[in-house]
Every structure is written in C-alpha cells, then in structure tokens.
C-alpha cells in the first residue's frame, strides 16, 4: 500500500478544502486553495489518483511550507507480464 502525502508549498491560509475523507480523487484534481502571505492564490493538486485517507486542515487554518494537508491512498495498477 502506498500513500501520497500532500503538503503545503507556502505560508498562507487555507481558503478552500475541495475534498473530504474517503473521497476518490483523480490526477490533477484541485484539492485545496491557499491564500499566500503575499496575497496570491495557490491551487494545490496532486499527480496521483486514489482515496483520501485523512484531511489534516480546515478552511481558515494557517499553513507553512511542508505542513501536511492530506494523506492519499494511491491506486497502483501494475501492468506488464511475468
């Protein structure tokens, strides 16, 4: 089982949480938006698909770089032959 850890890339405030626990997500889907301390908006996406295991922040929470926003249980499809 593989888990993707979604982290904040910046200082700011969680403006929108677009996911919830046990939701299925797909590659490049918007997960969060963060209003940065510089006043711009950062959209947080992931390059994996899977199921949200936990959401660690709420709208209005302050975040810093590296802070965990969510954990995703990745879908792993192995292809090829033996």
N, C-alpha and C. Protein backbone atom coordinates (compact mmCIF):
# COMPACT_ATOMS: atom_id res chain seq x y z
N UNK A 1 0.84 -1.17 0.00
CA UNK A 1 0.00 0.00 0.00
C UNK A 1 0.89 1.24 0.00
N UNK A 2 0.60 2.17 -0.88
CA UNK A 2 1.38 3.39 -0.99
C UNK A 2 0.52 4.59 -0.63
N UNK A 3 1.13 5.52 0.09
CA UNK A 3 0.43 6.74 0.47
C UNK A 3 1.17 7.95 -0.09
N UNK A 4 0.43 8.88 -0.62
CA UNK A 4 0.95 10.16 -1.07
C UNK A 4 0.64 11.16 0.03
N UNK A 5 1.62 11.93 0.42
CA UNK A 5 1.43 12.97 1.44
C UNK A 5 1.35 14.30 0.71
N UNK A 6 0.23 14.99 0.87
CA UNK A 6 0.04 16.29 0.24
C UNK A 6 0.47 17.35 1.25
N UNK A 7 1.43 18.19 0.87
CA UNK A 7 1.95 19.21 1.78
C UNK A 7 1.78 20.61 1.21
N UNK A 8 1.85 21.57 2.10
CA UNK A 8 1.75 22.97 1.69
C UNK A 8 3.08 23.42 1.08
N UNK A 9 3.02 24.14 -0.04
CA UNK A 9 4.24 24.66 -0.65
C UNK A 9 4.61 26.06 -0.14
N UNK A 10 3.76 26.64 0.71
CA UNK A 10 3.94 28.05 1.06
C UNK A 10 3.34 28.41 2.42
N UNK A 11 3.65 29.61 2.89
CA UNK A 11 2.97 30.19 4.05
C UNK A 11 1.64 30.76 3.58
N UNK A 12 0.60 30.61 4.37
CA UNK A 12 -0.67 31.20 3.99
C UNK A 12 -1.82 30.67 4.82
N UNK A 13 -3.02 30.83 4.27
CA UNK A 13 -4.26 30.42 4.94
C UNK A 13 -5.06 29.55 3.97
N UNK A 14 -5.59 28.44 4.47
CA UNK A 14 -6.42 27.57 3.65
C UNK A 14 -7.71 28.33 3.31
N UNK A 15 -7.90 28.58 2.04
CA UNK A 15 -9.08 29.31 1.57
C UNK A 15 -10.23 28.35 1.25
N UNK A 16 -9.88 27.19 0.64
CA UNK A 16 -10.91 26.22 0.28
C UNK A 16 -10.35 24.81 0.38
N UNK A 17 -11.16 23.92 0.96
CA UNK A 17 -10.86 22.49 1.01
C UNK A 17 -11.87 21.85 0.06
N UNK A 18 -11.39 21.30 -1.06
CA UNK A 18 -12.27 20.76 -2.09
C UNK A 18 -12.46 19.25 -2.00
N UNK A 19 -11.96 18.63 -0.93
CA UNK A 19 -12.02 17.18 -0.77
C UNK A 19 -12.54 16.83 0.62
N UNK A 20 -12.85 15.57 0.83
CA UNK A 20 -13.23 15.08 2.16
C UNK A 20 -12.72 13.65 2.30
N UNK A 21 -12.65 13.18 3.54
CA UNK A 21 -12.15 11.83 3.80
C UNK A 21 -12.99 10.81 3.04
N UNK A 22 -12.31 9.79 2.55
CA UNK A 22 -12.87 8.68 1.79
C UNK A 22 -13.31 9.06 0.39
N UNK A 23 -13.08 10.31 -0.03
CA UNK A 23 -13.41 10.71 -1.40
C UNK A 23 -12.40 10.12 -2.37
N UNK A 24 -12.84 9.82 -3.57
CA UNK A 24 -11.94 9.36 -4.63
C UNK A 24 -11.48 10.59 -5.40
N UNK A 25 -10.16 10.68 -5.61
CA UNK A 25 -9.61 11.80 -6.37
C UNK A 25 -8.87 11.26 -7.59
N UNK A 26 -8.70 12.13 -8.56
CA UNK A 26 -8.04 11.77 -9.81
C UNK A 26 -6.89 12.74 -10.06
N UNK A 27 -5.94 12.31 -10.89
CA UNK A 27 -4.77 13.13 -11.19
C UNK A 27 -5.16 14.55 -11.57
N UNK A 28 -4.44 15.50 -11.03
CA UNK A 28 -4.54 16.93 -11.31
C UNK A 28 -5.85 17.58 -10.86
N UNK A 29 -6.63 16.87 -10.06
CA UNK A 29 -7.84 17.45 -9.48
C UNK A 29 -7.45 18.47 -8.41
N UNK A 30 -8.19 19.56 -8.30
CA UNK A 30 -7.92 20.56 -7.26
C UNK A 30 -8.31 19.99 -5.90
N UNK A 31 -7.36 20.08 -4.96
CA UNK A 31 -7.60 19.57 -3.61
C UNK A 31 -7.81 20.72 -2.61
N UNK A 32 -6.97 21.74 -2.71
CA UNK A 32 -7.01 22.88 -1.79
C UNK A 32 -6.68 24.16 -2.55
N UNK A 33 -7.11 25.29 -2.01
CA UNK A 33 -6.57 26.57 -2.45
C UNK A 33 -6.07 27.30 -1.21
N UNK A 34 -4.92 27.93 -1.36
CA UNK A 34 -4.26 28.63 -0.26
C UNK A 34 -4.07 30.09 -0.66
N UNK A 35 -4.51 30.99 0.21
CA UNK A 35 -4.22 32.41 0.05
C UNK A 35 -2.86 32.62 0.70
N UNK A 36 -1.85 32.96 -0.10
CA UNK A 36 -0.49 33.06 0.44
C UNK A 36 -0.33 34.34 1.25
N UNK A 37 0.74 34.40 2.01
CA UNK A 37 1.03 35.59 2.81
C UNK A 37 1.40 36.78 1.92
N UNK A 38 1.65 36.53 0.62
CA UNK A 38 1.94 37.60 -0.34
C UNK A 38 0.68 38.08 -1.06
N UNK A 39 -0.46 37.44 -0.76
CA UNK A 39 -1.73 37.87 -1.34
C UNK A 39 -2.18 37.14 -2.58
N UNK A 40 -1.35 36.23 -3.11
CA UNK A 40 -1.80 35.48 -4.28
C UNK A 40 -2.40 34.15 -3.86
N UNK A 41 -3.06 33.48 -4.80
CA UNK A 41 -3.72 32.21 -4.51
C UNK A 41 -2.92 31.07 -5.13
N UNK A 42 -2.71 30.00 -4.37
CA UNK A 42 -2.04 28.78 -4.86
C UNK A 42 -3.06 27.66 -4.87
N UNK A 43 -3.18 26.99 -6.00
CA UNK A 43 -4.06 25.84 -6.14
C UNK A 43 -3.22 24.59 -5.92
N UNK A 44 -3.66 23.72 -5.01
CA UNK A 44 -2.91 22.50 -4.68
C UNK A 44 -3.58 21.32 -5.37
N UNK A 45 -2.78 20.62 -6.19
CA UNK A 45 -3.23 19.43 -6.91
C UNK A 45 -2.22 18.32 -6.65
N UNK A 46 -2.52 17.12 -7.08
CA UNK A 46 -1.57 16.02 -6.95
C UNK A 46 -1.49 15.26 -8.25
N UNK A 47 -0.40 14.57 -8.45
CA UNK A 47 -0.20 13.80 -9.68
C UNK A 47 -0.62 12.34 -9.52
N UNK A 48 -1.30 12.02 -8.42
CA UNK A 48 -1.75 10.64 -8.21
C UNK A 48 -3.27 10.59 -8.15
N UNK A 49 -3.79 9.39 -8.27
CA UNK A 49 -5.22 9.18 -8.05
C UNK A 49 -5.35 8.16 -6.94
N UNK A 50 -6.47 8.22 -6.23
CA UNK A 50 -6.68 7.31 -5.12
C UNK A 50 -7.79 7.77 -4.22
N UNK A 51 -7.72 7.33 -2.96
CA UNK A 51 -8.75 7.64 -1.97
C UNK A 51 -8.15 8.49 -0.86
N UNK A 52 -8.85 9.54 -0.47
CA UNK A 52 -8.39 10.39 0.62
C UNK A 52 -8.51 9.62 1.93
N UNK A 53 -7.39 9.46 2.62
CA UNK A 53 -7.39 8.76 3.91
C UNK A 53 -7.69 9.72 5.06
N UNK A 54 -7.11 10.93 4.98
CA UNK A 54 -7.41 11.93 6.00
C UNK A 54 -7.10 13.32 5.47
N UNK A 55 -7.87 14.27 5.96
CA UNK A 55 -7.66 15.68 5.65
C UNK A 55 -7.21 16.32 6.96
N UNK A 56 -6.05 16.94 6.95
CA UNK A 56 -5.42 17.43 8.18
C UNK A 56 -5.66 18.91 8.47
N UNK A 57 -6.32 19.62 7.55
CA UNK A 57 -6.56 21.06 7.74
C UNK A 57 -8.01 21.40 7.42
N UNK A 58 -8.42 22.58 7.86
CA UNK A 58 -9.76 23.10 7.59
C UNK A 58 -9.63 24.49 6.98
N UNK A 59 -10.70 24.95 6.36
CA UNK A 59 -10.70 26.31 5.83
C UNK A 59 -10.42 27.28 6.96
N UNK A 60 -9.54 28.24 6.70
CA UNK A 60 -9.17 29.23 7.71
C UNK A 60 -7.90 28.90 8.47
N UNK A 61 -7.42 27.64 8.37
CA UNK A 61 -6.19 27.25 9.06
C UNK A 61 -4.98 27.93 8.43
N UNK A 62 -4.02 28.30 9.25
CA UNK A 62 -2.73 28.84 8.79
C UNK A 62 -1.83 27.66 8.47
N UNK A 63 -1.06 27.78 7.37
CA UNK A 63 -0.15 26.71 6.97
C UNK A 63 1.24 27.28 6.71
N UNK A 64 2.21 26.39 6.77
CA UNK A 64 3.61 26.73 6.48
C UNK A 64 4.15 25.71 5.48
N UNK A 65 5.24 26.03 4.80
CA UNK A 65 5.81 25.06 3.84
C UNK A 65 6.12 23.72 4.51
N UNK A 66 5.70 22.63 3.86
CA UNK A 66 5.96 21.29 4.37
C UNK A 66 4.89 20.75 5.29
N UNK A 67 3.95 21.59 5.71
CA UNK A 67 2.87 21.15 6.60
C UNK A 67 1.96 20.18 5.84
N UNK A 68 1.59 19.06 6.49
CA UNK A 68 0.75 18.05 5.85
C UNK A 68 -0.68 18.56 5.74
N UNK A 69 -1.21 18.49 4.52
CA UNK A 69 -2.60 18.89 4.27
C UNK A 69 -3.52 17.67 4.22
N UNK A 70 -3.03 16.58 3.61
CA UNK A 70 -3.85 15.38 3.47
C UNK A 70 -2.98 14.17 3.15
N UNK A 71 -3.55 12.99 3.40
CA UNK A 71 -2.93 11.73 3.03
C UNK A 71 -3.83 11.04 2.01
N UNK A 72 -3.23 10.52 0.94
CA UNK A 72 -3.97 9.84 -0.12
C UNK A 72 -3.45 8.42 -0.25
N UNK A 73 -4.36 7.44 -0.23
CA UNK A 73 -4.01 6.05 -0.50
C UNK A 73 -4.03 5.91 -2.02
N UNK A 74 -2.84 5.75 -2.60
CA UNK A 74 -2.71 5.72 -4.07
C UNK A 74 -3.28 4.45 -4.67
N UNK A 75 -3.86 4.61 -5.86
CA UNK A 75 -4.24 3.47 -6.70
C UNK A 75 -2.99 3.03 -7.43
N UNK A 76 -2.65 1.78 -7.31
CA UNK A 76 -1.48 1.26 -8.03
C UNK A 76 -1.93 0.14 -8.94
N UNK A 77 -1.75 0.35 -10.22
CA UNK A 77 -2.12 -0.67 -11.19
C UNK A 77 -0.83 -1.12 -11.86
N UNK A 78 -0.43 -2.35 -11.59
CA UNK A 78 0.79 -2.90 -12.17
C UNK A 78 0.44 -3.49 -13.53
N UNK A 79 1.19 -3.11 -14.53
CA UNK A 79 0.95 -3.66 -15.87
C UNK A 79 2.21 -4.39 -16.33
N UNK A 80 2.05 -5.21 -17.33
CA UNK A 80 3.19 -5.97 -17.83
C UNK A 80 2.97 -7.46 -17.62
N UNK A 81 3.97 -8.25 -17.99
CA UNK A 81 3.84 -9.69 -17.83
C UNK A 81 5.03 -10.23 -17.05
N UNK A 82 4.86 -11.43 -16.51
CA UNK A 82 5.90 -12.06 -15.70
C UNK A 82 7.00 -12.61 -16.56
